[in-house]
Amino acid sequence: MPTLFRFLTVIAIAIGLVYGAMFALATFVTPRKVQMVVPIPLERVDPNTVSTPSQ
């Protein structure tokens, strides 16, 4: 029984450390807001409107 209790204690401490790290990241780190523009080719939006080169 002492081995099981020791195992559960180690697991509880590990879970507490992970929870504490997640809480610290959520509280102290603020994300940067940056505008992002990604050009999408017309062929990917509507494949039927692909222009053919004129000869």
PDB file of N, CA and C in Angstrom:
ATOM      1  N   MET A   1       0.804  -1.198   0.000  1.00  0.00           N
ATOM      2  CA  MET A   1       0.000   0.000   0.000  1.00  0.00           C
ATOM      3  C   MET A   1       0.855   1.274   0.000  1.00  0.00           C
ATOM      4  N   PRO A   2       2.002   1.305   0.670  1.00  0.00           N
ATOM      5  CA  PRO A   2       2.812   2.527   0.631  1.00  0.00           C
ATOM      6  C   PRO A   2       3.283   2.866  -0.792  1.00  0.00           C
ATOM      7  N   THR A   3       3.513   1.851  -1.628  1.00  0.00           N
ATOM      8  CA  THR A   3       3.962   2.109  -2.983  1.00  0.00           C
ATOM      9  C   THR A   3       2.850   2.770  -3.786  1.00  0.00           C
ATOM     10  N   LEU A   4       1.610   2.324  -3.601  1.00  0.00           N
ATOM     11  CA  LEU A   4       0.478   2.927  -4.285  1.00  0.00           C
ATOM     12  C   LEU A   4       0.284   4.367  -3.832  1.00  0.00           C
ATOM     13  N   PHE A   5       0.399   4.606  -2.534  1.00  0.00           N
ATOM     14  CA  PHE A   5       0.250   5.963  -2.002  1.00  0.00           C
ATOM     15  C   PHE A   5       1.351   6.875  -2.546  1.00  0.00           C
ATOM     16  N   ARG A   6       2.572   6.385  -2.626  1.00  0.00           N
ATOM     17  CA  ARG A   6       3.675   7.173  -3.163  1.00  0.00           C
ATOM     18  C   ARG A   6       3.435   7.485  -4.645  1.00  0.00           C
ATOM     19  N   PHE A   7       2.963   6.499  -5.404  1.00  0.00           N
ATOM     20  CA  PHE A   7       2.666   6.696  -6.824  1.00  0.00           C
ATOM     21  C   PHE A   7       1.574   7.749  -7.012  1.00  0.00           C
ATOM     22  N   LEU A   8       0.492   7.638  -6.246  1.00  0.00           N
ATOM     23  CA  LEU A   8      -0.590   8.609  -6.363  1.00  0.00           C
ATOM     24  C   LEU A   8      -0.140  10.009  -5.951  1.00  0.00           C
ATOM     25  N   THR A   9       0.752  10.099  -4.973  1.00  0.00           N
ATOM     26  CA  THR A   9       1.278  11.392  -4.553  1.00  0.00           C
ATOM     27  C   THR A   9       2.112  12.018  -5.665  1.00  0.00           C
ATOM     28  N   VAL A  10       2.954  11.241  -6.310  1.00  0.00           N
ATOM     29  CA  VAL A  10       3.780  11.753  -7.408  1.00  0.00           C
ATOM     30  C   VAL A  10       2.897  12.202  -8.566  1.00  0.00           C
ATOM     31  N   ILE A  11       1.874  11.429  -8.891  1.00  0.00           N
ATOM     32  CA  ILE A  11       0.953  11.799  -9.969  1.00  0.00           C
ATOM     33  C   ILE A  11       0.206  13.080  -9.605  1.00  0.00           C
ATOM     34  N   ALA A  12      -0.239  13.213  -8.386  1.00  0.00           N
ATOM     35  CA  ALA A  12      -0.954  14.416  -7.951  1.00  0.00           C
ATOM     36  C   ALA A  12      -0.046  15.644  -8.026  1.00  0.00           C
ATOM     37  N   ILE A  13       1.210  15.502  -7.648  1.00  0.00           N
ATOM     38  CA  ILE A  13       2.144  16.626  -7.723  1.00  0.00           C
ATOM     39  C   ILE A  13       2.397  17.004  -9.181  1.00  0.00           C
ATOM     40  N   ALA A  14       2.546  16.013 -10.049  1.00  0.00           N
ATOM     41  CA  ALA A  14       2.758  16.290 -11.474  1.00  0.00           C
ATOM     42  C   ALA A  14       1.552  17.013 -12.072  1.00  0.00           C
ATOM     43  N   ILE A  15       0.349  16.566 -11.736  1.00  0.00           N
ATOM     44  CA  ILE A  15      -0.855  17.226 -12.236  1.00  0.00           C
ATOM     45  C   ILE A  15      -0.942  18.649 -11.699  1.00  0.00           C
ATOM     46  N   GLY A  16      -0.574  18.848 -10.464  1.00  0.00           N
ATOM     47  CA  GLY A  16      -0.571  20.190  -9.885  1.00  0.00           C
ATOM     48  C   GLY A  16       0.419  21.116 -10.584  1.00  0.00           C
ATOM     49  N   LEU A  17       1.588  20.599 -10.931  1.00  0.00           N
ATOM     50  CA  LEU A  17       2.575  21.413 -11.641  1.00  0.00           C
ATOM     51  C   LEU A  17       2.087  21.785 -13.039  1.00  0.00           C
ATOM     52  N   VAL A  18       1.472  20.836 -13.728  1.00  0.00           N
ATOM     53  CA  VAL A  18       0.942  21.118 -15.065  1.00  0.00           C
ATOM     54  C   VAL A  18      -0.184  22.145 -14.967  1.00  0.00           C
ATOM     55  N   TYR A  19      -1.071  21.992 -14.021  1.00  0.00           N
ATOM     56  CA  TYR A  19      -2.159  22.944 -13.834  1.00  0.00           C
ATOM     57  C   TYR A  19      -1.614  24.326 -13.495  1.00  0.00           C
ATOM     58  N   GLY A  20      -0.606  24.383 -12.648  1.00  0.00           N
ATOM     59  CA  GLY A  20      -0.002  25.667 -12.291  1.00  0.00           C
ATOM     60  C   GLY A  20       0.657  26.336 -13.487  1.00  0.00           C
ATOM     61  N   ALA A  21       1.323  25.560 -14.321  1.00  0.00           N
ATOM     62  CA  ALA A  21       1.950  26.128 -15.516  1.00  0.00           C
ATOM     63  C   ALA A  21       0.897  26.640 -16.485  1.00  0.00           C
ATOM     64  N   MET A  22      -0.180  25.894 -16.670  1.00  0.00           N
ATOM     65  CA  MET A  22      -1.248  26.358 -17.561  1.00  0.00           C
ATOM     66  C   MET A  22      -1.902  27.622 -17.022  1.00  0.00           C
ATOM     67  N   PHE A  23      -2.125  27.698 -15.733  1.00  0.00           N
ATOM     68  CA  PHE A  23      -2.716  28.880 -15.127  1.00  0.00           C
ATOM     69  C   PHE A  23      -1.794  30.088 -15.281  1.00  0.00           C
ATOM     70  N   ALA A  24      -0.495  29.881 -15.078  1.00  0.00           N
ATOM     71  CA  ALA A  24       0.460  30.975 -15.222  1.00  0.00           C
ATOM     72  C   ALA A  24       0.505  31.473 -16.664  1.00  0.00           C
ATOM     73  N   LEU A  25       0.490  30.564 -17.634  1.00  0.00           N
ATOM     74  CA  LEU A  25       0.494  30.974 -19.040  1.00  0.00           C
ATOM     75  C   LEU A  25      -0.780  31.727 -19.398  1.00  0.00           C
ATOM     76  N   ALA A  26      -1.911  31.267 -18.914  1.00  0.00           N
ATOM     77  CA  ALA A  26      -3.177  31.930 -19.222  1.00  0.00           C
ATOM     78  C   ALA A  26      -3.291  33.281 -18.553  1.00  0.00           C
ATOM     79  N   THR A  27      -2.649  33.454 -17.422  1.00  0.00           N
ATOM     80  CA  THR A  27      -2.768  34.705 -16.681  1.00  0.00           C
ATOM     81  C   THR A  27      -1.743  35.748 -17.102  1.00  0.00           C
ATOM     82  N   PHE A  28      -0.502  35.348 -17.296  1.00  0.00           N
ATOM     83  CA  PHE A  28       0.571  36.319 -17.481  1.00  0.00           C
ATOM     84  C   PHE A  28       0.981  36.559 -18.932  1.00  0.00           C
ATOM     85  N   VAL A  29       0.584  35.697 -19.859  1.00  0.00           N
ATOM     86  CA  VAL A  29       0.992  35.859 -21.251  1.00  0.00           C
ATOM     87  C   VAL A  29      -0.189  36.411 -22.042  1.00  0.00           C
ATOM     88  N   THR A  30       0.045  37.538 -22.724  1.00  0.00           N
ATOM     89  CA  THR A  30      -0.995  38.112 -23.568  1.00  0.00           C
ATOM     90  C   THR A  30      -0.588  37.946 -25.028  1.00  0.00           C
ATOM     91  N   PRO A  31      -1.485  37.446 -25.859  1.00  0.00           N
ATOM     92  CA  PRO A  31      -1.139  37.241 -27.264  1.00  0.00           C
ATOM     93  C   PRO A  31      -1.057  38.564 -28.008  1.00  0.00           C
ATOM     94  N   ARG A  32      -0.178  38.623 -29.005  1.00  0.00           N
ATOM     95  CA  ARG A  32      -0.068  39.808 -29.860  1.00  0.00           C
ATOM     96  C   ARG A  32      -1.094  39.694 -30.962  1.00  0.00           C
ATOM     97  N   LYS A  33      -1.801  40.791 -31.224  1.00  0.00           N
ATOM     98  CA  LYS A  33      -2.780  40.807 -32.293  1.00  0.00           C
ATOM     99  C   LYS A  33      -2.120  41.438 -33.509  1.00  0.00           C
ATOM    100  N   VAL A  34      -1.991  40.652 -34.569  1.00  0.00           N
ATOM    101  CA  VAL A  34      -1.356  41.115 -35.794  1.00  0.00           C
ATOM    102  C   VAL A  34      -2.295  40.811 -36.948  1.00  0.00           C
ATOM    103  N   GLN A  35      -2.495  41.805 -37.808  1.00  0.00           N
ATOM    104  CA  GLN A  35      -3.333  41.571 -38.973  1.00  0.00           C
ATOM    105  C   GLN A  35      -2.561  40.719 -39.967  1.00  0.00           C
ATOM    106  N   MET A  36      -3.247  39.751 -40.539  1.00  0.00           N
ATOM    107  CA  MET A  36      -2.597  38.828 -41.447  1.00  0.00           C
ATOM    108  C   MET A  36      -3.426  38.725 -42.722  1.00  0.00           C
ATOM    109  N   VAL A  37      -2.762  38.844 -43.870  1.00  0.00           N
ATOM    110  CA  VAL A  37      -3.442  38.745 -45.154  1.00  0.00           C
ATOM    111  C   VAL A  37      -2.820  37.596 -45.932  1.00  0.00           C
ATOM    112  N   VAL A  38      -3.655  36.676 -46.367  1.00  0.00           N
ATOM    113  CA  VAL A  38      -3.186  35.529 -47.137  1.00  0.00           C
ATOM    114  C   VAL A  38      -3.874  35.579 -48.494  1.00  0.00           C
ATOM    115  N   PRO A  39      -3.117  35.790 -49.563  1.00  0.00           N
ATOM    116  CA  PRO A  39      -3.754  35.814 -50.884  1.00  0.00           C
ATOM    117  C   PRO A  39      -4.153  34.398 -51.322  1.00  0.00           C
ATOM    118  N   ILE A  40      -5.366  34.276 -51.835  1.00  0.00           N
ATOM    119  CA  ILE A  40      -5.864  32.985 -52.318  1.00  0.00           C
ATOM    120  C   ILE A  40      -6.074  33.116 -53.818  1.00  0.00           C
ATOM    121  N   PRO A  41      -5.449  32.247 -54.604  1.00  0.00           N
ATOM    122  CA  PRO A  41      -5.636  32.317 -56.054  1.00  0.00           C
ATOM    123  C   PRO A  41      -7.092  32.031 -56.433  1.00  0.00           C
ATOM    124  N   LEU A  42      -7.545  32.666 -57.515  1.00  0.00           N
ATOM    125  CA  LEU A  42      -8.917  32.497 -57.964  1.00  0.00           C
ATOM    126  C   LEU A  42      -9.208  31.049 -58.346  1.00  0.00           C
ATOM    127  N   GLU A  43      -8.212  30.325 -58.813  1.00  0.00           N
ATOM    128  CA  GLU A  43      -8.409  28.938 -59.199  1.00  0.00           C
ATOM    129  C   GLU A  43      -8.835  28.065 -58.026  1.00  0.00           C
ATOM    130  N   ARG A  44      -8.373  28.403 -56.848  1.00  0.00           N
ATOM    131  CA  ARG A  44      -8.739  27.605 -55.666  1.00  0.00           C
ATOM    132  C   ARG A  44     -10.132  27.957 -55.170  1.00  0.00           C
ATOM    133  N   VAL A  45     -10.571  29.183 -55.421  1.00  0.00           N
ATOM    134  CA  VAL A  45     -11.885  29.605 -54.952  1.00  0.00           C
ATOM    135  C   VAL A  45     -12.979  29.061 -55.875  1.00  0.00           C
ATOM    136  N   ASP A  46     -12.804  29.267 -57.189  1.00  0.00           N
ATOM    137  CA  ASP A  46     -13.791  28.823 -58.167  1.00  0.00           C
ATOM    138  C   ASP A  46     -13.065  28.236 -59.368  1.00  0.00           C
ATOM    139  N   PRO A  47     -12.912  26.909 -59.415  1.00  0.00           N
ATOM    140  CA  PRO A  47     -12.134  26.293 -60.498  1.00  0.00           C
ATOM    141  C   PRO A  47     -12.756  26.485 -61.880  1.00  0.00           C
ATOM    142  N   ASN A  48     -14.035  26.829 -61.971  1.00  0.00           N
ATOM    143  CA  ASN A  48     -14.689  26.996 -63.266  1.00  0.00           C
ATOM    144  C   ASN A  48     -14.321  28.308 -63.955  1.00  0.00           C
ATOM    145  N   THR A  49     -13.758  29.245 -63.237  1.00  0.00           N
ATOM    146  CA  THR A  49     -13.436  30.548 -63.827  1.00  0.00           C
ATOM    147  C   THR A  49     -11.959  30.682 -64.172  1.00  0.00           C
ATOM    148  N   VAL A  50     -11.331  29.582 -64.457  1.00  0.00           N
ATOM    149  CA  VAL A  50      -9.903  29.628 -64.821  1.00  0.00           C
ATOM    150  C   VAL A  50      -9.793  30.279 -66.192  1.00  0.00           C
ATOM    151  N   SER A  51      -8.978  31.313 -66.256  1.00  0.00           N
ATOM    152  CA  SER A  51      -8.827  32.016 -67.529  1.00  0.00           C
ATOM    153  C   SER A  51      -7.831  31.282 -68.406  1.00  0.00           C
ATOM    154  N   THR A  52      -8.156  31.165 -69.670  1.00  0.00           N
ATOM    155  CA  THR A  52      -7.254  30.522 -70.636  1.00  0.00           C
ATOM    156  C   THR A  52      -6.501  31.612 -71.385  1.00  0.00           C
ATOM    157  N   PRO A  53      -5.241  31.400 -71.637  1.00  0.00           N
ATOM    158  CA  PRO A  53      -4.484  32.424 -72.354  1.00  0.00           C
ATOM    159  C   PRO A  53      -4.995  32.588 -73.785  1.00  0.00           C
ATOM    160  N   SER A  54      -5.171  33.825 -74.204  1.00  0.00           N
ATOM    161  CA  SER A  54      -5.652  34.090 -75.558  1.00  0.00           C
ATOM    162  C   SER A  54      -4.500  34.046 -76.537  1.00  0.00           C
ATOM    163  N   GLN A  55      -4.786  33.562 -77.736  1.00  0.00           N
ATOM    164  CA  GLN A  55      -3.713  33.414 -78.743  1.00  0.00           C
ATOM    165  C   GLN A  55      -3.869  34.418 -79.837  1.00  0.00           C
TER     166      GLN A  55
END
